[in-house]
Amino acid sequence: MGQENSAERPRAGNEIYGHPLIPQSAVGTDPSDGLPRTFSAVSMEDSKAPPLEPETFVCMGDESVFVIRNSWGAALITLDPSRVRRNRGFGWVAALSDKERELAGSPTSVLGGDQLWFEVEPLREQCAYYRRVMTDFENDHQTEIRAVERVCAAKRTETGEFESLSNMRVHACEHREPRDFVSEERLRKFDQARMDASKKTEEPWDPEAALEEALRLAQREPPK
């Protein structure tokens, strides 16, 4: 049977049960006949959408505030998201007060009607390799339940599919584009801690010195 007609081929929805850290099947006993039977080891709890927090899922963008940065990446001004609009040709834009324009230096502006709008950016942009697909949950077309598949397009499995990120926290990543220096600093600190731990070697045990110490302590003890 060709792959295009195979029921086993990868398709949207499969990744709900394909988390790399969750065993996908287990062998139990079928109560109807007492024979061994393979059961799914994935529970409904495993298939739920993961809690999303920018600090523990660095693939997603952080649009809690918007900023204008200088050439060193430091934020010159911060803006509430309610002041920001999406412009098809220029990305995110916002109207600025005279004071904000002064603090931002010479921000890039675009004309919208009779008003100037200025280019801004989210505190952290979404990674270019982060992909999402929303589908019916388990192909159930009768309910409003939806499932969102989250994958990393920078990494692939052994069979060539994008790696699933479902129910996984991503604390740091160097595949990220654009780069996130806060994330990369976590990696540096983690590696440094591992290197520091490797340098801590125990002093070699000297049996003669240990025997002498034991005899010295024994001689100091009063007779019973």
C-alpha atoms as a PDB file:
ATOM      1  CA  MET A   1       0.000   0.000   0.000  1.00  0.00           C
ATOM      2  CA  GLY A   2       1.414   3.389  -0.984  1.00  0.00           C
ATOM      3  CA  GLN A   3       2.186   5.956   1.680  1.00  0.00           C
ATOM      4  CA  GLU A   4      -0.453   8.307   0.298  1.00  0.00           C
ATOM      5  CA  ASN A   5      -3.130   5.702   1.159  1.00  0.00           C
ATOM      6  CA  SER A   6      -1.628   4.454   4.407  1.00  0.00           C
ATOM      7  CA  ALA A   7      -3.659   4.971   7.560  1.00  0.00           C
ATOM      8  CA  GLU A   8      -0.391   5.042   9.507  1.00  0.00           C
ATOM      9  CA  ARG A   9       1.133   8.022   7.711  1.00  0.00           C
ATOM     10  CA  PRO A  10       1.665  11.215   9.768  1.00  0.00           C
ATOM     11  CA  ARG A  11      -1.243  13.626   9.641  1.00  0.00           C
ATOM     12  CA  ALA A  12      -2.594  16.629  11.538  1.00  0.00           C
ATOM     13  CA  GLY A  13      -3.804  15.541  14.966  1.00  0.00           C
ATOM     14  CA  ASN A  14      -1.325  12.711  15.501  1.00  0.00           C
ATOM     15  CA  GLU A  15       1.070  14.785  17.563  1.00  0.00           C
ATOM     16  CA  ILE A  16      -1.402  14.958  20.466  1.00  0.00           C
ATOM     17  CA  TYR A  17      -0.325  11.408  21.271  1.00  0.00           C
ATOM     18  CA  GLY A  18       3.279  11.745  20.142  1.00  0.00           C
ATOM     19  CA  HIS A  19       5.056  13.614  22.925  1.00  0.00           C
ATOM     20  CA  PRO A  20       8.674  12.325  23.047  1.00  0.00           C
ATOM     21  CA  LEU A  21       8.699  12.027  26.857  1.00  0.00           C
ATOM     22  CA  ILE A  22       5.391  10.173  27.232  1.00  0.00           C
ATOM     23  CA  PRO A  23       5.287   6.385  26.639  1.00  0.00           C
ATOM     24  CA  GLN A  24       2.738   5.861  23.898  1.00  0.00           C
ATOM     25  CA  SER A  25       1.561   2.340  24.701  1.00  0.00           C
ATOM     26  CA  ALA A  26       1.488  -0.249  27.459  1.00  0.00           C
ATOM     27  CA  VAL A  27       0.590  -3.930  27.648  1.00  0.00           C
ATOM     28  CA  GLY A  28      -2.289  -4.943  29.901  1.00  0.00           C
ATOM     29  CA  THR A  29      -4.839  -7.711  30.231  1.00  0.00           C
ATOM     30  CA  ASP A  30      -8.076  -7.572  28.299  1.00  0.00           C
ATOM     31  CA  PRO A  31     -10.834  -8.308  30.871  1.00  0.00           C
ATOM     32  CA  SER A  32     -13.052  -9.853  28.186  1.00  0.00           C
ATOM     33  CA  ASP A  33     -10.736 -12.778  27.402  1.00  0.00           C
ATOM     34  CA  GLY A  34      -7.786 -12.479  29.808  1.00  0.00           C
ATOM     35  CA  LEU A  35      -5.282 -12.150  26.974  1.00  0.00           C
ATOM     36  CA  PRO A  36      -2.520  -9.524  26.730  1.00  0.00           C
ATOM     37  CA  ARG A  37      -3.554  -6.392  24.885  1.00  0.00           C
ATOM     38  CA  THR A  38      -1.815  -3.136  23.991  1.00  0.00           C
ATOM     39  CA  PHE A  39      -3.395  -0.044  25.528  1.00  0.00           C
ATOM     40  CA  SER A  40      -2.664   3.645  25.039  1.00  0.00           C
ATOM     41  CA  ALA A  41      -0.586   5.058  27.878  1.00  0.00           C
ATOM     42  CA  VAL A  42      -1.709   8.607  27.090  1.00  0.00           C
ATOM     43  CA  SER A  43      -4.445  10.005  29.290  1.00  0.00           C
ATOM     44  CA  MET A  44      -6.858  12.834  28.561  1.00  0.00           C
ATOM     45  CA  GLU A  45      -4.737  14.988  30.891  1.00  0.00           C
ATOM     46  CA  ASP A  46      -1.719  14.404  28.640  1.00  0.00           C
ATOM     47  CA  SER A  47      -3.623  15.653  25.600  1.00  0.00           C
ATOM     48  CA  LYS A  48      -4.683  18.957  27.130  1.00  0.00           C
ATOM     49  CA  ALA A  49      -3.145  22.164  25.830  1.00  0.00           C
ATOM     50  CA  PRO A  50      -0.082  23.129  27.909  1.00  0.00           C
ATOM     51  CA  PRO A  51      -0.095  26.276  30.034  1.00  0.00           C
ATOM     52  CA  LEU A  52       1.690  28.965  28.059  1.00  0.00           C
ATOM     53  CA  GLU A  53       4.030  31.366  29.841  1.00  0.00           C
ATOM     54  CA  PRO A  54       6.648  33.450  28.002  1.00  0.00           C
ATOM     55  CA  GLU A  55       9.276  32.660  30.647  1.00  0.00           C
ATOM     56  CA  THR A  56       8.955  28.893  30.265  1.00  0.00           C
ATOM     57  CA  PHE A  57       8.061  28.696  26.571  1.00  0.00           C
ATOM     58  CA  VAL A  58      10.589  30.843  24.736  1.00  0.00           C
ATOM     59  CA  CYS A  59       9.222  29.893  21.288  1.00  0.00           C
ATOM     60  CA  MET A  60       6.258  32.190  21.727  1.00  0.00           C
ATOM     61  CA  GLY A  61       6.420  35.960  21.530  1.00  0.00           C
ATOM     62  CA  ASP A  62       5.974  38.236  24.521  1.00  0.00           C
ATOM     63  CA  GLU A  63       3.500  40.968  23.602  1.00  0.00           C
ATOM     64  CA  SER A  64       2.823  42.109  27.163  1.00  0.00           C
ATOM     65  CA  VAL A  65       4.510  45.413  26.233  1.00  0.00           C
ATOM     66  CA  PHE A  66       5.887  46.939  23.048  1.00  0.00           C
ATOM     67  CA  VAL A  67       9.170  48.805  22.795  1.00  0.00           C
ATOM     68  CA  ILE A  68      11.394  50.958  20.636  1.00  0.00           C
ATOM     69  CA  ARG A  69      15.043  49.972  21.026  1.00  0.00           C
ATOM     70  CA  ASN A  70      18.349  51.620  20.298  1.00  0.00           C
ATOM     71  CA  SER A  71      21.110  50.002  18.234  1.00  0.00           C
ATOM     72  CA  TRP A  72      22.341  48.123  21.338  1.00  0.00           C
ATOM     73  CA  GLY A  73      18.959  46.535  21.926  1.00  0.00           C
ATOM     74  CA  ALA A  74      18.093  48.584  25.009  1.00  0.00           C
ATOM     75  CA  ALA A  75      14.463  49.683  25.276  1.00  0.00           C
ATOM     76  CA  LEU A  76      14.135  53.456  24.934  1.00  0.00           C
ATOM     77  CA  ILE A  77      10.382  53.548  25.566  1.00  0.00           C
ATOM     78  CA  THR A  78       7.721  50.964  26.433  1.00  0.00           C
ATOM     79  CA  LEU A  79       4.093  51.059  25.328  1.00  0.00           C
ATOM     80  CA  ASP A  80       0.941  49.302  26.452  1.00  0.00           C
ATOM     81  CA  PRO A  81      -0.407  46.828  23.849  1.00  0.00           C
ATOM     82  CA  SER A  82      -3.699  48.750  23.711  1.00  0.00           C
ATOM     83  CA  ARG A  83      -1.861  51.581  21.941  1.00  0.00           C
ATOM     84  CA  VAL A  84      -0.397  49.347  19.229  1.00  0.00           C
ATOM     85  CA  ARG A  85      -1.885  48.535  15.821  1.00  0.00           C
ATOM     86  CA  ARG A  86      -0.941  45.962  13.200  1.00  0.00           C
ATOM     87  CA  ASN A  87       0.136  47.432   9.867  1.00  0.00           C
ATOM     88  CA  ARG A  88       0.289  45.031   6.919  1.00  0.00           C
ATOM     89  CA  GLY A  89       3.352  46.621   5.369  1.00  0.00           C
ATOM     90  CA  PHE A  90       5.283  47.723   8.457  1.00  0.00           C
ATOM     91  CA  GLY A  91       4.390  45.312  11.248  1.00  0.00           C
ATOM     92  CA  TRP A  92       3.524  46.865  14.608  1.00  0.00           C
ATOM     93  CA  VAL A  93       3.005  50.637  14.814  1.00  0.00           C
ATOM     94  CA  ALA A  94       1.872  53.129  17.466  1.00  0.00           C
ATOM     95  CA  ALA A  95       1.146  56.837  17.785  1.00  0.00           C
ATOM     96  CA  LEU A  96       3.649  58.631  20.044  1.00  0.00           C
ATOM     97  CA  SER A  97       3.512  61.765  22.100  1.00  0.00           C
ATOM     98  CA  ASP A  98       6.121  64.489  21.597  1.00  0.00           C
ATOM     99  CA  LYS A  99       7.888  63.352  24.790  1.00  0.00           C
ATOM    100  CA  GLU A 100       7.973  59.726  23.641  1.00  0.00           C
ATOM    101  CA  ARG A 101       9.315  60.751  20.230  1.00  0.00           C
ATOM    102  CA  GLU A 102      12.079  62.683  21.968  1.00  0.00           C
ATOM    103  CA  LEU A 103      13.000  59.707  24.174  1.00  0.00           C
ATOM    104  CA  ALA A 104      12.943  57.338  21.188  1.00  0.00           C
ATOM    105  CA  GLY A 105      15.406  59.462  19.220  1.00  0.00           C
ATOM    106  CA  SER A 106      14.500  59.228  15.531  1.00  0.00           C
ATOM    107  CA  PRO A 107      12.028  56.318  15.340  1.00  0.00           C
ATOM    108  CA  THR A 108      10.920  55.026  11.962  1.00  0.00           C
ATOM    109  CA  SER A 109       7.564  56.552  11.032  1.00  0.00           C
ATOM    110  CA  VAL A 110       4.857  55.794   8.490  1.00  0.00           C
ATOM    111  CA  LEU A 111       1.925  57.944   7.447  1.00  0.00           C
ATOM    112  CA  GLY A 112      -1.552  56.632   8.173  1.00  0.00           C
ATOM    113  CA  GLY A 113      -4.124  59.091   6.938  1.00  0.00           C
ATOM    114  CA  ASP A 114      -3.217  62.448   8.445  1.00  0.00           C
ATOM    115  CA  GLN A 115      -1.318  60.929  11.406  1.00  0.00           C
ATOM    116  CA  LEU A 116       2.197  59.646  11.849  1.00  0.00           C
ATOM    117  CA  TRP A 117       2.619  56.137  13.231  1.00  0.00           C
ATOM    118  CA  PHE A 118       5.939  54.784  14.486  1.00  0.00           C
ATOM    119  CA  GLU A 119       7.316  51.269  14.194  1.00  0.00           C
ATOM    120  CA  VAL A 120       7.489  49.357  17.465  1.00  0.00           C
ATOM    121  CA  GLU A 121       8.227  45.741  18.344  1.00  0.00           C
ATOM    122  CA  PRO A 122       7.016  43.318  20.991  1.00  0.00           C
ATOM    123  CA  LEU A 123       9.192  42.745  24.040  1.00  0.00           C
ATOM    124  CA  ARG A 124      10.108  39.428  22.410  1.00  0.00           C
ATOM    125  CA  GLU A 125       9.141  38.400  18.902  1.00  0.00           C
ATOM    126  CA  GLN A 126       7.789  34.930  18.195  1.00  0.00           C
ATOM    127  CA  CYS A 127      10.400  32.485  16.923  1.00  0.00           C
ATOM    128  CA  ALA A 128      10.343  32.075  13.138  1.00  0.00           C
ATOM    129  CA  TYR A 129      10.495  28.271  13.553  1.00  0.00           C
ATOM    130  CA  TYR A 130       7.499  28.050  15.878  1.00  0.00           C
ATOM    131  CA  ARG A 131       4.448  26.709  14.026  1.00  0.00           C
ATOM    132  CA  ARG A 132       0.879  26.165  15.185  1.00  0.00           C
ATOM    133  CA  VAL A 133      -2.077  24.345  13.646  1.00  0.00           C
ATOM    134  CA  MET A 134      -5.594  24.252  15.128  1.00  0.00           C
ATOM    135  CA  THR A 135      -7.694  21.186  14.326  1.00  0.00           C
ATOM    136  CA  ASP A 136     -10.798  19.386  15.571  1.00  0.00           C
ATOM    137  CA  PHE A 137      -9.958  17.329  18.633  1.00  0.00           C
ATOM    138  CA  GLU A 138      -9.694  13.663  17.600  1.00  0.00           C
ATOM    139  CA  ASN A 139     -11.552  14.480  14.354  1.00  0.00           C
ATOM    140  CA  ASP A 140     -14.702  15.247  16.337  1.00  0.00           C
ATOM    141  CA  HIS A 141     -16.657  17.565  14.030  1.00  0.00           C
ATOM    142  CA  GLN A 142     -19.731  17.712  16.261  1.00  0.00           C
ATOM    143  CA  THR A 143     -18.247  19.672  19.185  1.00  0.00           C
ATOM    144  CA  GLU A 144     -16.450  22.978  19.554  1.00  0.00           C
ATOM    145  CA  ILE A 145     -13.407  21.364  21.185  1.00  0.00           C
ATOM    146  CA  ARG A 146     -10.226  22.289  19.349  1.00  0.00           C
ATOM    147  CA  ALA A 147      -6.640  21.079  19.586  1.00  0.00           C
ATOM    148  CA  VAL A 148      -3.559  23.180  18.805  1.00  0.00           C
ATOM    149  CA  GLU A 149      -0.475  21.403  17.552  1.00  0.00           C
ATOM    150  CA  ARG A 150       2.804  23.183  18.319  1.00  0.00           C
ATOM    151  CA  VAL A 151       5.948  22.174  16.463  1.00  0.00           C
ATOM    152  CA  CYS A 152       9.528  23.365  15.952  1.00  0.00           C
ATOM    153  CA  ALA A 153      10.378  23.679  12.253  1.00  0.00           C
ATOM    154  CA  ALA A 154      14.110  23.878  13.069  1.00  0.00           C
ATOM    155  CA  LYS A 155      14.231  20.245  14.257  1.00  0.00           C
ATOM    156  CA  ARG A 156      12.895  17.054  12.716  1.00  0.00           C
ATOM    157  CA  THR A 157      12.290  13.549  13.983  1.00  0.00           C
ATOM    158  CA  GLU A 158      13.952  10.439  12.561  1.00  0.00           C
ATOM    159  CA  THR A 159      11.089  10.099  10.086  1.00  0.00           C
ATOM    160  CA  GLY A 160      11.305  13.717   8.928  1.00  0.00           C
ATOM    161  CA  GLU A 161       8.377  15.320  10.746  1.00  0.00           C
ATOM    162  CA  PHE A 162       8.774  18.580  12.616  1.00  0.00           C
ATOM    163  CA  GLU A 163       9.427  17.945  16.300  1.00  0.00           C
ATOM    164  CA  SER A 164       6.367  18.295  18.510  1.00  0.00           C
ATOM    165  CA  LEU A 165       6.470  20.822  21.358  1.00  0.00           C
ATOM    166  CA  SER A 166       3.154  19.761  22.882  1.00  0.00           C
ATOM    167  CA  ASN A 167       3.070  19.763  26.709  1.00  0.00           C
ATOM    168  CA  MET A 168       6.771  20.604  26.840  1.00  0.00           C
ATOM    169  CA  ARG A 169       8.366  23.613  28.501  1.00  0.00           C
ATOM    170  CA  VAL A 170      11.125  25.210  26.455  1.00  0.00           C
ATOM    171  CA  HIS A 171      13.347  27.255  28.781  1.00  0.00           C
ATOM    172  CA  ALA A 172      16.078  28.189  26.296  1.00  0.00           C
ATOM    173  CA  CYS A 173      16.925  27.601  22.636  1.00  0.00           C
ATOM    174  CA  GLU A 174      19.764  28.555  20.302  1.00  0.00           C
ATOM    175  CA  HIS A 175      17.745  27.574  17.218  1.00  0.00           C
ATOM    176  CA  ARG A 176      15.597  30.617  17.909  1.00  0.00           C
ATOM    177  CA  GLU A 177      15.214  33.316  15.260  1.00  0.00           C
ATOM    178  CA  PRO A 178      15.389  36.129  16.194  1.00  0.00           C
ATOM    179  CA  ARG A 179      17.795  35.269  18.960  1.00  0.00           C
ATOM    180  CA  ASP A 180      16.738  35.703  22.570  1.00  0.00           C
ATOM    181  CA  PHE A 181      19.705  36.709  24.690  1.00  0.00           C
ATOM    182  CA  VAL A 182      17.890  36.082  27.977  1.00  0.00           C
ATOM    183  CA  SER A 183      17.313  32.514  26.799  1.00  0.00           C
ATOM    184  CA  GLU A 184      20.928  32.090  25.696  1.00  0.00           C
ATOM    185  CA  GLU A 185      22.177  33.375  29.057  1.00  0.00           C
ATOM    186  CA  ARG A 186      20.262  30.538  30.731  1.00  0.00           C
ATOM    187  CA  LEU A 187      22.148  28.075  28.537  1.00  0.00           C
ATOM    188  CA  ARG A 188      25.498  29.652  29.390  1.00  0.00           C
ATOM    189  CA  LYS A 189      24.780  29.543  33.125  1.00  0.00           C
ATOM    190  CA  PHE A 190      23.591  25.941  32.874  1.00  0.00           C
ATOM    191  CA  ASP A 191      26.735  24.833  31.022  1.00  0.00           C
ATOM    192  CA  GLN A 192      28.972  26.793  33.394  1.00  0.00           C
ATOM    193  CA  ALA A 193      27.390  25.063  36.376  1.00  0.00           C
ATOM    194  CA  ARG A 194      28.048  21.667  34.756  1.00  0.00           C
ATOM    195  CA  MET A 195      31.685  22.586  34.053  1.00  0.00           C
ATOM    196  CA  ASP A 196      32.180  23.857  37.608  1.00  0.00           C
ATOM    197  CA  ALA A 197      30.750  20.609  38.950  1.00  0.00           C
ATOM    198  CA  SER A 198      33.181  18.564  36.830  1.00  0.00           C
ATOM    199  CA  LYS A 199      36.139  20.373  38.410  1.00  0.00           C
ATOM    200  CA  LYS A 200      35.134  19.390  41.929  1.00  0.00           C
ATOM    201  CA  THR A 201      37.093  16.182  42.443  1.00  0.00           C
ATOM    202  CA  GLU A 202      37.335  14.386  45.735  1.00  0.00           C
ATOM    203  CA  GLU A 203      40.781  13.969  47.283  1.00  0.00           C
ATOM    204  CA  PRO A 204      42.128  10.425  46.750  1.00  0.00           C
ATOM    205  CA  TRP A 205      41.702   8.179  49.782  1.00  0.00           C
ATOM    206  CA  ASP A 206      44.989   7.353  51.499  1.00  0.00           C
ATOM    207  CA  PRO A 207      44.604   4.056  53.398  1.00  0.00           C
ATOM    208  CA  GLU A 208      47.855   4.500  55.381  1.00  0.00           C
ATOM    209  CA  ALA A 209      46.869   7.978  56.530  1.00  0.00           C
ATOM    210  CA  ALA A 210      43.415   6.691  57.461  1.00  0.00           C
ATOM    211  CA  LEU A 211      44.964   3.869  59.535  1.00  0.00           C
ATOM    212  CA  GLU A 212      47.312   6.255  61.334  1.00  0.00           C
ATOM    213  CA  GLU A 213      44.391   8.561  62.145  1.00  0.00           C
ATOM    214  CA  ALA A 214      42.367   5.635  63.506  1.00  0.00           C
ATOM    215  CA  LEU A 215      45.271   4.502  65.708  1.00  0.00           C
ATOM    216  CA  ARG A 216      45.832   8.019  66.968  1.00  0.00           C
ATOM    217  CA  LEU A 217      42.182   8.362  67.926  1.00  0.00           C
ATOM    218  CA  ALA A 218      42.217   4.927  69.591  1.00  0.00           C
ATOM    219  CA  GLN A 219      45.220   5.867  71.726  1.00  0.00           C
ATOM    220  CA  ARG A 220      43.421   8.988  72.945  1.00  0.00           C
ATOM    221  CA  GLU A 221      40.354   7.042  74.105  1.00  0.00           C
ATOM    222  CA  PRO A 222      40.425   6.130  77.840  1.00  0.00           C
ATOM    223  CA  PRO A 223      40.374   2.387  78.662  1.00  0.00           C
ATOM    224  CA  LYS A 224      36.967   0.994  79.543  1.00  0.00           C
END
